[in-house]
Amino acid sequence: FWHTYITERYSGDLRVVSYFINLTAADIHNFTFADTVLIDNLEYRVNKIDYKPGEMSNVELILK
């Protein structure tokens, strides 16, 4: 598991994108960085979340 995780995060072909996403406190509470996110049929890993309650959160994603 860790080999795949490290390889994905530190690959030379790494593609990073940022989205503004409406997150709730429950979303943050239930989230783990081991989760993947599916957006437009592409699977991403979350790299960073800039959570601001009541506002759109800036989420940095890595294309898996």
N, C-alpha and C. Protein backbone atom coordinates (compact mmCIF):
# COMPACT_ATOMS: atom_id res chain seq x y z
N PHE A 1 0.82 -1.20 0.00
CA PHE A 1 0.00 0.00 0.00
C PHE A 1 0.86 1.26 0.00
N TRP A 2 1.83 1.36 0.90
CA TRP A 2 2.62 2.59 1.01
C TRP A 2 3.47 2.84 -0.22
N HIS A 3 3.97 1.80 -0.85
CA HIS A 3 4.76 1.99 -2.06
C HIS A 3 3.93 2.67 -3.13
N THR A 4 2.72 2.20 -3.35
CA THR A 4 1.82 2.81 -4.34
C THR A 4 1.51 4.25 -3.97
N TYR A 5 1.21 4.49 -2.72
CA TYR A 5 0.87 5.84 -2.24
C TYR A 5 2.03 6.81 -2.45
N ILE A 6 3.23 6.41 -2.06
CA ILE A 6 4.42 7.27 -2.21
C ILE A 6 4.73 7.50 -3.68
N THR A 7 4.64 6.45 -4.48
CA THR A 7 4.91 6.57 -5.92
C THR A 7 3.95 7.55 -6.59
N GLU A 8 2.68 7.48 -6.23
CA GLU A 8 1.69 8.39 -6.81
C GLU A 8 1.96 9.84 -6.41
N ARG A 9 2.32 10.06 -5.17
CA ARG A 9 2.50 11.43 -4.67
C ARG A 9 3.78 12.09 -5.13
N TYR A 10 4.81 11.31 -5.43
CA TYR A 10 6.11 11.89 -5.76
C TYR A 10 6.61 11.49 -7.13
N SER A 11 5.71 11.15 -8.02
CA SER A 11 6.06 10.78 -9.38
C SER A 11 6.52 12.00 -10.17
N GLY A 12 7.38 11.79 -11.16
CA GLY A 12 7.80 12.86 -12.04
C GLY A 12 6.69 13.32 -12.97
N ASP A 13 5.68 12.47 -13.16
CA ASP A 13 4.54 12.79 -14.02
C ASP A 13 3.36 13.36 -13.24
N LEU A 14 3.62 13.87 -12.07
CA LEU A 14 2.60 14.36 -11.16
C LEU A 14 1.82 15.52 -11.78
N ARG A 15 0.49 15.43 -11.71
CA ARG A 15 -0.37 16.52 -12.18
C ARG A 15 -1.20 17.01 -11.01
N VAL A 16 -1.05 18.29 -10.70
CA VAL A 16 -1.75 18.89 -9.57
C VAL A 16 -2.77 19.89 -10.10
N VAL A 17 -4.00 19.81 -9.58
CA VAL A 17 -5.05 20.75 -9.94
C VAL A 17 -5.70 21.26 -8.65
N SER A 18 -6.30 22.42 -8.74
CA SER A 18 -7.02 23.00 -7.60
C SER A 18 -8.46 23.25 -7.98
N TYR A 19 -9.35 22.94 -7.06
CA TYR A 19 -10.77 23.18 -7.24
C TYR A 19 -11.29 23.93 -6.02
N PHE A 20 -12.29 24.76 -6.24
CA PHE A 20 -13.03 25.36 -5.13
C PHE A 20 -14.26 24.50 -4.93
N ILE A 21 -14.38 23.92 -3.73
CA ILE A 21 -15.42 22.96 -3.43
C ILE A 21 -16.15 23.39 -2.16
N ASN A 22 -17.47 23.25 -2.18
CA ASN A 22 -18.28 23.58 -1.00
C ASN A 22 -18.24 22.40 -0.03
N LEU A 23 -17.45 22.51 1.03
CA LEU A 23 -17.31 21.45 2.03
C LEU A 23 -18.02 21.83 3.32
N THR A 24 -18.53 20.83 4.00
CA THR A 24 -19.14 21.05 5.31
C THR A 24 -18.20 20.53 6.39
N ALA A 25 -18.53 20.86 7.63
CA ALA A 25 -17.73 20.36 8.76
C ALA A 25 -17.78 18.84 8.80
N ALA A 26 -18.91 18.24 8.43
CA ALA A 26 -19.04 16.78 8.40
C ALA A 26 -18.12 16.18 7.35
N ASP A 27 -17.99 16.85 6.19
CA ASP A 27 -17.07 16.37 5.15
C ASP A 27 -15.64 16.31 5.68
N ILE A 28 -15.22 17.34 6.38
CA ILE A 28 -13.87 17.40 6.93
C ILE A 28 -13.70 16.35 8.03
N HIS A 29 -14.70 16.20 8.87
CA HIS A 29 -14.63 15.24 9.96
C HIS A 29 -14.48 13.79 9.46
N ASN A 30 -15.18 13.45 8.38
CA ASN A 30 -15.18 12.09 7.85
C ASN A 30 -14.07 11.82 6.85
N PHE A 31 -13.29 12.80 6.52
CA PHE A 31 -12.26 12.69 5.48
C PHE A 31 -10.96 12.08 6.02
N THR A 32 -10.32 11.26 5.18
CA THR A 32 -8.94 10.81 5.44
C THR A 32 -8.16 11.01 4.15
N PHE A 33 -6.87 11.24 4.27
CA PHE A 33 -6.06 11.46 3.07
C PHE A 33 -5.84 10.18 2.27
N ALA A 34 -6.27 9.05 2.79
CA ALA A 34 -6.22 7.80 2.04
C ALA A 34 -7.37 7.70 1.04
N ASP A 35 -8.39 8.56 1.21
CA ASP A 35 -9.55 8.56 0.31
C ASP A 35 -9.14 9.08 -1.07
N THR A 36 -9.87 8.62 -2.07
CA THR A 36 -9.72 9.18 -3.41
C THR A 36 -11.02 9.89 -3.78
N VAL A 37 -10.93 10.80 -4.74
CA VAL A 37 -12.06 11.62 -5.16
C VAL A 37 -12.24 11.43 -6.66
N LEU A 38 -13.47 11.22 -7.10
CA LEU A 38 -13.77 11.05 -8.52
C LEU A 38 -14.45 12.32 -9.04
N ILE A 39 -13.81 13.00 -9.98
CA ILE A 39 -14.35 14.21 -10.60
C ILE A 39 -14.20 14.06 -12.11
N ASP A 40 -15.30 14.17 -12.84
CA ASP A 40 -15.31 14.04 -14.30
C ASP A 40 -14.60 12.77 -14.76
N ASN A 41 -14.91 11.66 -14.11
CA ASN A 41 -14.35 10.34 -14.43
C ASN A 41 -12.83 10.25 -14.28
N LEU A 42 -12.23 11.14 -13.51
CA LEU A 42 -10.81 11.07 -13.18
C LEU A 42 -10.67 10.90 -11.68
N GLU A 43 -9.76 10.02 -11.28
CA GLU A 43 -9.57 9.73 -9.86
C GLU A 43 -8.39 10.54 -9.32
N TYR A 44 -8.63 11.24 -8.23
CA TYR A 44 -7.63 12.10 -7.62
C TYR A 44 -7.38 11.69 -6.17
N ARG A 45 -6.22 12.06 -5.66
CA ARG A 45 -5.93 12.02 -4.23
C ARG A 45 -5.87 13.47 -3.76
N VAL A 46 -6.35 13.70 -2.56
CA VAL A 46 -6.32 15.05 -2.00
C VAL A 46 -4.93 15.31 -1.45
N ASN A 47 -4.35 16.44 -1.83
CA ASN A 47 -3.03 16.82 -1.34
C ASN A 47 -3.14 17.84 -0.21
N LYS A 48 -4.06 18.81 -0.38
CA LYS A 48 -4.17 19.89 0.60
C LYS A 48 -5.60 20.43 0.58
N ILE A 49 -6.10 20.79 1.76
CA ILE A 49 -7.43 21.40 1.88
C ILE A 49 -7.29 22.69 2.66
N ASP A 50 -7.76 23.78 2.07
CA ASP A 50 -7.82 25.07 2.76
C ASP A 50 -9.29 25.30 3.11
N TYR A 51 -9.69 24.78 4.27
CA TYR A 51 -11.10 24.80 4.69
C TYR A 51 -11.44 26.10 5.40
N LYS A 52 -12.52 26.73 4.94
CA LYS A 52 -13.05 27.94 5.57
C LYS A 52 -14.54 27.73 5.75
N PRO A 53 -15.01 27.62 7.00
CA PRO A 53 -16.44 27.38 7.23
C PRO A 53 -17.31 28.46 6.59
N GLY A 54 -18.35 28.03 5.90
CA GLY A 54 -19.28 28.96 5.27
C GLY A 54 -18.82 29.51 3.94
N GLU A 55 -17.63 29.12 3.48
CA GLU A 55 -17.10 29.58 2.19
C GLU A 55 -16.68 28.38 1.35
N MET A 56 -16.39 28.65 0.10
CA MET A 56 -15.84 27.60 -0.76
C MET A 56 -14.42 27.31 -0.31
N SER A 57 -14.07 26.03 -0.23
CA SER A 57 -12.74 25.62 0.21
C SER A 57 -11.86 25.32 -1.00
N ASN A 58 -10.62 25.76 -0.94
CA ASN A 58 -9.66 25.47 -2.00
C ASN A 58 -9.06 24.10 -1.71
N VAL A 59 -9.26 23.16 -2.64
CA VAL A 59 -8.76 21.80 -2.46
C VAL A 59 -7.75 21.50 -3.57
N GLU A 60 -6.55 21.15 -3.19
CA GLU A 60 -5.49 20.78 -4.14
C GLU A 60 -5.52 19.27 -4.33
N LEU A 61 -5.64 18.82 -5.58
CA LEU A 61 -5.77 17.40 -5.90
C LEU A 61 -4.61 16.95 -6.78
N ILE A 62 -4.26 15.69 -6.62
CA ILE A 62 -3.22 15.05 -7.46
C ILE A 62 -3.89 13.99 -8.30
N LEU A 63 -3.68 14.06 -9.61
CA LEU A 63 -4.25 13.06 -10.51
C LEU A 63 -3.60 11.72 -10.24
N LYS A 64 -4.42 10.73 -9.98
CA LYS A 64 -3.93 9.41 -9.62
C LYS A 64 -3.53 8.63 -10.85
